[in-house]
Amino acid sequence: MAKKESTTKSFVLRIDQDMMDAIEKWAADEFRSTNGQIQYILDQALRKAGRVKKDKKE
C-alpha cells in the first residue's frame, strides 16, 4: 500500500507578544519547538471541533 505524502504549507502569523510569550513557555515546558507547539494547539482544536479525522493506526 502506498504511503500518503505529507505536505507542509508556510505562512506568516501575526500574534501579540503576551500570547507568543505564553506559547513559547508552554512549548519549553513540553520540550517542543514554538512552531511544534502551535501545530499541536491547532491540531487539538481542529480535532475537538470535529474538523479533522483522527489518524487510524494500522
PDB file of N, CA and C in Angstrom:
ATOM      1  N   MET A   1       0.861  -1.186   0.000  1.00  0.00           N
ATOM      2  CA  MET A   1       0.000   0.000   0.000  1.00  0.00           C
ATOM      3  C   MET A   1       0.898   1.237   0.000  1.00  0.00           C
ATOM      4  N   ALA A   2       0.612   2.203  -0.846  1.00  0.00           N
ATOM      5  CA  ALA A   2       1.407   3.424  -0.933  1.00  0.00           C
ATOM      6  C   ALA A   2       1.117   4.326   0.259  1.00  0.00           C
ATOM      7  N   LYS A   3       2.173   4.933   0.776  1.00  0.00           N
ATOM      8  CA  LYS A   3       2.030   5.849   1.905  1.00  0.00           C
ATOM      9  C   LYS A   3       1.591   7.216   1.392  1.00  0.00           C
ATOM     10  N   LYS A   4       0.648   7.839   2.082  1.00  0.00           N
ATOM     11  CA  LYS A   4       0.161   9.157   1.690  1.00  0.00           C
ATOM     12  C   LYS A   4       1.264  10.186   1.931  1.00  0.00           C
ATOM     13  N   GLU A   5       1.538  10.997   0.921  1.00  0.00           N
ATOM     14  CA  GLU A   5       2.583  12.001   1.027  1.00  0.00           C
ATOM     15  C   GLU A   5       2.082  13.183   1.851  1.00  0.00           C
ATOM     16  N   SER A   6       2.898  13.648   2.771  1.00  0.00           N
ATOM     17  CA  SER A   6       2.542  14.771   3.629  1.00  0.00           C
ATOM     18  C   SER A   6       3.118  16.062   3.061  1.00  0.00           C
ATOM     19  N   THR A   7       2.342  17.126   3.113  1.00  0.00           N
ATOM     20  CA  THR A   7       2.826  18.424   2.670  1.00  0.00           C
ATOM     21  C   THR A   7       2.674  19.430   3.801  1.00  0.00           C
ATOM     22  N   THR A   8       3.582  20.383   3.819  1.00  0.00           N
ATOM     23  CA  THR A   8       3.547  21.431   4.824  1.00  0.00           C
ATOM     24  C   THR A   8       3.509  22.767   4.100  1.00  0.00           C
ATOM     25  N   LYS A   9       2.626  23.641   4.551  1.00  0.00           N
ATOM     26  CA  LYS A   9       2.488  24.953   3.933  1.00  0.00           C
ATOM     27  C   LYS A   9       2.967  26.010   4.926  1.00  0.00           C
ATOM     28  N   SER A  10       3.763  26.940   4.456  1.00  0.00           N
ATOM     29  CA  SER A  10       4.267  28.031   5.297  1.00  0.00           C
ATOM     30  C   SER A  10       3.393  29.271   5.113  1.00  0.00           C
ATOM     31  N   PHE A  11       3.239  30.042   6.196  1.00  0.00           N
ATOM     32  CA  PHE A  11       2.524  31.306   6.108  1.00  0.00           C
ATOM     33  C   PHE A  11       2.943  32.195   7.271  1.00  0.00           C
ATOM     34  N   VAL A  12       2.675  33.480   7.148  1.00  0.00           N
ATOM     35  CA  VAL A  12       3.012  34.447   8.191  1.00  0.00           C
ATOM     36  C   VAL A  12       1.870  34.506   9.192  1.00  0.00           C
ATOM     37  N   LEU A  13       2.216  34.535  10.466  1.00  0.00           N
ATOM     38  CA  LEU A  13       1.216  34.612  11.530  1.00  0.00           C
ATOM     39  C   LEU A  13       1.522  35.832  12.389  1.00  0.00           C
ATOM     40  N   ARG A  14       0.546  36.678  12.550  1.00  0.00           N
ATOM     41  CA  ARG A  14       0.694  37.835  13.443  1.00  0.00           C
ATOM     42  C   ARG A  14       0.055  37.468  14.774  1.00  0.00           C
ATOM     43  N   ILE A  15       0.811  37.642  15.851  1.00  0.00           N
ATOM     44  CA  ILE A  15       0.338  37.242  17.179  1.00  0.00           C
ATOM     45  C   ILE A  15       0.875  38.242  18.197  1.00  0.00           C
ATOM     46  N   ASP A  16       0.058  38.607  19.181  1.00  0.00           N
ATOM     47  CA  ASP A  16       0.528  39.606  20.134  1.00  0.00           C
ATOM     48  C   ASP A  16       1.605  39.023  21.053  1.00  0.00           C
ATOM     49  N   GLN A  17       2.419  39.897  21.616  1.00  0.00           N
ATOM     50  CA  GLN A  17       3.599  39.479  22.370  1.00  0.00           C
ATOM     51  C   GLN A  17       3.257  38.630  23.594  1.00  0.00           C
ATOM     52  N   ASP A  18       2.194  38.992  24.327  1.00  0.00           N
ATOM     53  CA  ASP A  18       1.831  38.210  25.513  1.00  0.00           C
ATOM     54  C   ASP A  18       1.450  36.778  25.156  1.00  0.00           C
ATOM     55  N   MET A  19       0.694  36.613  24.066  1.00  0.00           N
ATOM     56  CA  MET A  19       0.298  35.272  23.636  1.00  0.00           C
ATOM     57  C   MET A  19       1.525  34.481  23.178  1.00  0.00           C
ATOM     58  N   MET A  20       2.415  35.138  22.439  1.00  0.00           N
ATOM     59  CA  MET A  20       3.623  34.462  21.969  1.00  0.00           C
ATOM     60  C   MET A  20       4.487  34.027  23.143  1.00  0.00           C
ATOM     61  N   ASP A  21       4.628  34.876  24.144  1.00  0.00           N
ATOM     62  CA  ASP A  21       5.404  34.522  25.342  1.00  0.00           C
ATOM     63  C   ASP A  21       4.817  33.290  26.020  1.00  0.00           C
ATOM     64  N   ALA A  22       3.482  33.247  26.130  1.00  0.00           N
ATOM     65  CA  ALA A  22       2.817  32.112  26.761  1.00  0.00           C
ATOM     66  C   ALA A  22       3.029  30.827  25.954  1.00  0.00           C
ATOM     67  N   ILE A  23       2.954  30.925  24.633  1.00  0.00           N
ATOM     68  CA  ILE A  23       3.159  29.747  23.777  1.00  0.00           C
ATOM     69  C   ILE A  23       4.600  29.270  23.873  1.00  0.00           C
ATOM     70  N   GLU A  24       5.557  30.195  23.868  1.00  0.00           N
ATOM     71  CA  GLU A  24       6.965  29.817  23.991  1.00  0.00           C
ATOM     72  C   GLU A  24       7.241  29.112  25.307  1.00  0.00           C
ATOM     73  N   LYS A  25       6.661  29.609  26.402  1.00  0.00           N
ATOM     74  CA  LYS A  25       6.854  28.969  27.707  1.00  0.00           C
ATOM     75  C   LYS A  25       6.222  27.585  27.723  1.00  0.00           C
ATOM     76  N   TRP A  26       5.013  27.472  27.192  1.00  0.00           N
ATOM     77  CA  TRP A  26       4.311  26.187  27.125  1.00  0.00           C
ATOM     78  C   TRP A  26       5.130  25.188  26.299  1.00  0.00           C
ATOM     79  N   ALA A  27       5.655  25.646  25.163  1.00  0.00           N
ATOM     80  CA  ALA A  27       6.472  24.784  24.312  1.00  0.00           C
ATOM     81  C   ALA A  27       7.705  24.288  25.059  1.00  0.00           C
ATOM     82  N   ALA A  28       8.371  25.174  25.761  1.00  0.00           N
ATOM     83  CA  ALA A  28       9.558  24.786  26.527  1.00  0.00           C
ATOM     84  C   ALA A  28       9.199  23.781  27.617  1.00  0.00           C
ATOM     85  N   ASP A  29       8.065  23.989  28.267  1.00  0.00           N
ATOM     86  CA  ASP A  29       7.619  23.070  29.325  1.00  0.00           C
ATOM     87  C   ASP A  29       7.369  21.665  28.780  1.00  0.00           C
ATOM     88  N   GLU A  30       6.976  21.557  27.512  1.00  0.00           N
ATOM     89  CA  GLU A  30       6.658  20.258  26.910  1.00  0.00           C
ATOM     90  C   GLU A  30       7.741  19.786  25.931  1.00  0.00           C
ATOM     91  N   PHE A  31       8.910  20.461  25.979  1.00  0.00           N
ATOM     92  CA  PHE A  31      10.057  20.081  25.148  1.00  0.00           C
ATOM     93  C   PHE A  31       9.726  20.057  23.659  1.00  0.00           C
ATOM     94  N   ARG A  32       8.973  21.076  23.216  1.00  0.00           N
ATOM     95  CA  ARG A  32       8.645  21.243  21.795  1.00  0.00           C
ATOM     96  C   ARG A  32       9.214  22.566  21.321  1.00  0.00           C
ATOM     97  N   SER A  33       9.358  22.690  20.001  1.00  0.00           N
ATOM     98  CA  SER A  33       9.679  23.993  19.424  1.00  0.00           C
ATOM     99  C   SER A  33       8.413  24.848  19.488  1.00  0.00           C
ATOM    100  N   THR A  34       8.584  26.149  19.344  1.00  0.00           N
ATOM    101  CA  THR A  34       7.415  27.039  19.323  1.00  0.00           C
ATOM    102  C   THR A  34       6.516  26.676  18.145  1.00  0.00           C
ATOM    103  N   ASN A  35       7.098  26.428  16.988  1.00  0.00           N
ATOM    104  CA  ASN A  35       6.316  26.034  15.821  1.00  0.00           C
ATOM    105  C   ASN A  35       5.578  24.723  16.085  1.00  0.00           C
ATOM    106  N   GLY A  36       6.270  23.754  16.674  1.00  0.00           N
ATOM    107  CA  GLY A  36       5.643  22.475  17.003  1.00  0.00           C
ATOM    108  C   GLY A  36       4.490  22.638  17.971  1.00  0.00           C
ATOM    109  N   GLN A  37       4.643  23.551  18.925  1.00  0.00           N
ATOM    110  CA  GLN A  37       3.577  23.786  19.907  1.00  0.00           C
ATOM    111  C   GLN A  37       2.355  24.400  19.236  1.00  0.00           C
ATOM    112  N   ILE A  38       2.570  25.356  18.337  1.00  0.00           N
ATOM    113  CA  ILE A  38       1.453  25.973  17.625  1.00  0.00           C
ATOM    114  C   ILE A  38       0.735  24.926  16.781  1.00  0.00           C
ATOM    115  N   GLN A  39       1.488  24.062  16.104  1.00  0.00           N
ATOM    116  CA  GLN A  39       0.874  22.982  15.328  1.00  0.00           C
ATOM    117  C   GLN A  39       0.072  22.055  16.232  1.00  0.00           C
ATOM    118  N   TYR A  40       0.597  21.728  17.405  1.00  0.00           N
ATOM    119  CA  TYR A  40      -0.095  20.867  18.358  1.00  0.00           C
ATOM    120  C   TYR A  40      -1.416  21.519  18.815  1.00  0.00           C
ATOM    121  N   ILE A  41      -1.354  22.795  19.162  1.00  0.00           N
ATOM    122  CA  ILE A  41      -2.549  23.519  19.618  1.00  0.00           C
ATOM    123  C   ILE A  41      -3.618  23.531  18.520  1.00  0.00           C
ATOM    124  N   LEU A  42      -3.206  23.832  17.291  1.00  0.00           N
ATOM    125  CA  LEU A  42      -4.155  23.855  16.178  1.00  0.00           C
ATOM    126  C   LEU A  42      -4.731  22.469  15.908  1.00  0.00           C
ATOM    127  N   ASP A  43      -3.888  21.451  15.955  1.00  0.00           N
ATOM    128  CA  ASP A  43      -4.350  20.078  15.737  1.00  0.00           C
ATOM    129  C   ASP A  43      -5.401  19.683  16.777  1.00  0.00           C
ATOM    130  N   GLN A  44      -5.132  19.978  18.039  1.00  0.00           N
ATOM    131  CA  GLN A  44      -6.078  19.626  19.098  1.00  0.00           C
ATOM    132  C   GLN A  44      -7.399  20.384  18.952  1.00  0.00           C
ATOM    133  N   ALA A  45      -7.310  21.659  18.584  1.00  0.00           N
ATOM    134  CA  ALA A  45      -8.533  22.454  18.396  1.00  0.00           C
ATOM    135  C   ALA A  45      -9.365  21.918  17.235  1.00  0.00           C
ATOM    136  N   LEU A  46      -8.698  21.552  16.131  1.00  0.00           N
ATOM    137  CA  LEU A  46      -9.417  21.005  14.979  1.00  0.00           C
ATOM    138  C   LEU A  46     -10.078  19.671  15.305  1.00  0.00           C
ATOM    139  N   ARG A  47      -9.388  18.826  16.038  1.00  0.00           N
ATOM    140  CA  ARG A  47      -9.959  17.526  16.423  1.00  0.00           C
ATOM    141  C   ARG A  47     -11.156  17.714  17.355  1.00  0.00           C
ATOM    142  N   LYS A  48     -11.014  18.623  18.323  1.00  0.00           N
ATOM    143  CA  LYS A  48     -12.102  18.878  19.280  1.00  0.00           C
ATOM    144  C   LYS A  48     -13.344  19.414  18.565  1.00  0.00           C
ATOM    145  N   ALA A  49     -13.134  20.221  17.525  1.00  0.00           N
ATOM    146  CA  ALA A  49     -14.241  20.802  16.772  1.00  0.00           C
ATOM    147  C   ALA A  49     -14.793  19.840  15.721  1.00  0.00           C
ATOM    148  N   GLY A  50     -14.162  18.669  15.582  1.00  0.00           N
ATOM    149  CA  GLY A  50     -14.624  17.702  14.599  1.00  0.00           C
ATOM    150  C   GLY A  50     -14.302  18.093  13.164  1.00  0.00           C
ATOM    151  N   ARG A  51     -13.272  18.875  12.980  1.00  0.00           N
ATOM    152  CA  ARG A  51     -12.907  19.356  11.644  1.00  0.00           C
ATOM    153  C   ARG A  51     -11.930  18.432  10.927  1.00  0.00           C
ATOM    154  N   VAL A  52     -11.251  17.551  11.657  1.00  0.00           N
ATOM    155  CA  VAL A  52     -10.344  16.576  11.038  1.00  0.00           C
ATOM    156  C   VAL A  52     -10.595  15.218  11.678  1.00  0.00           C
ATOM    157  N   LYS A  53     -10.327  14.179  10.912  1.00  0.00           N
ATOM    158  CA  LYS A  53     -10.498  12.832  11.433  1.00  0.00           C
ATOM    159  C   LYS A  53      -9.258  12.407  12.193  1.00  0.00           C
ATOM    160  N   LYS A  54      -9.443  11.583  13.209  1.00  0.00           N
ATOM    161  CA  LYS A  54      -8.312  11.049  13.956  1.00  0.00           C
ATOM    162  C   LYS A  54      -7.570  10.055  13.090  1.00  0.00           C
ATOM    163  N   ASP A  55      -6.246   9.995  13.258  1.00  0.00           N
ATOM    164  CA  ASP A  55      -5.424   9.045  12.496  1.00  0.00           C
ATOM    165  C   ASP A  55      -5.810   7.628  12.879  1.00  0.00           C
ATOM    166  N   LYS A  56      -5.861   6.753  11.873  1.00  0.00           N
ATOM    167  CA  LYS A  56      -6.138   5.349  12.113  1.00  0.00           C
ATOM    168  C   LYS A  56      -4.827   4.590  12.112  1.00  0.00           C
ATOM    169  N   LYS A  57      -4.479   3.969  13.215  1.00  0.00           N
ATOM    170  CA  LYS A  57      -3.250   3.186  13.308  1.00  0.00           C
ATOM    171  C   LYS A  57      -3.512   1.787  12.752  1.00  0.00           C
ATOM    172  N   GLU A  58      -2.633   1.354  11.858  1.00  0.00           N
ATOM    173  CA  GLU A  58      -2.801   0.019  11.278  1.00  0.00           C
ATOM    174  C   GLU A  58      -1.931  -0.977  11.999  1.00  0.00           C
TER     175      GLU A  58
END
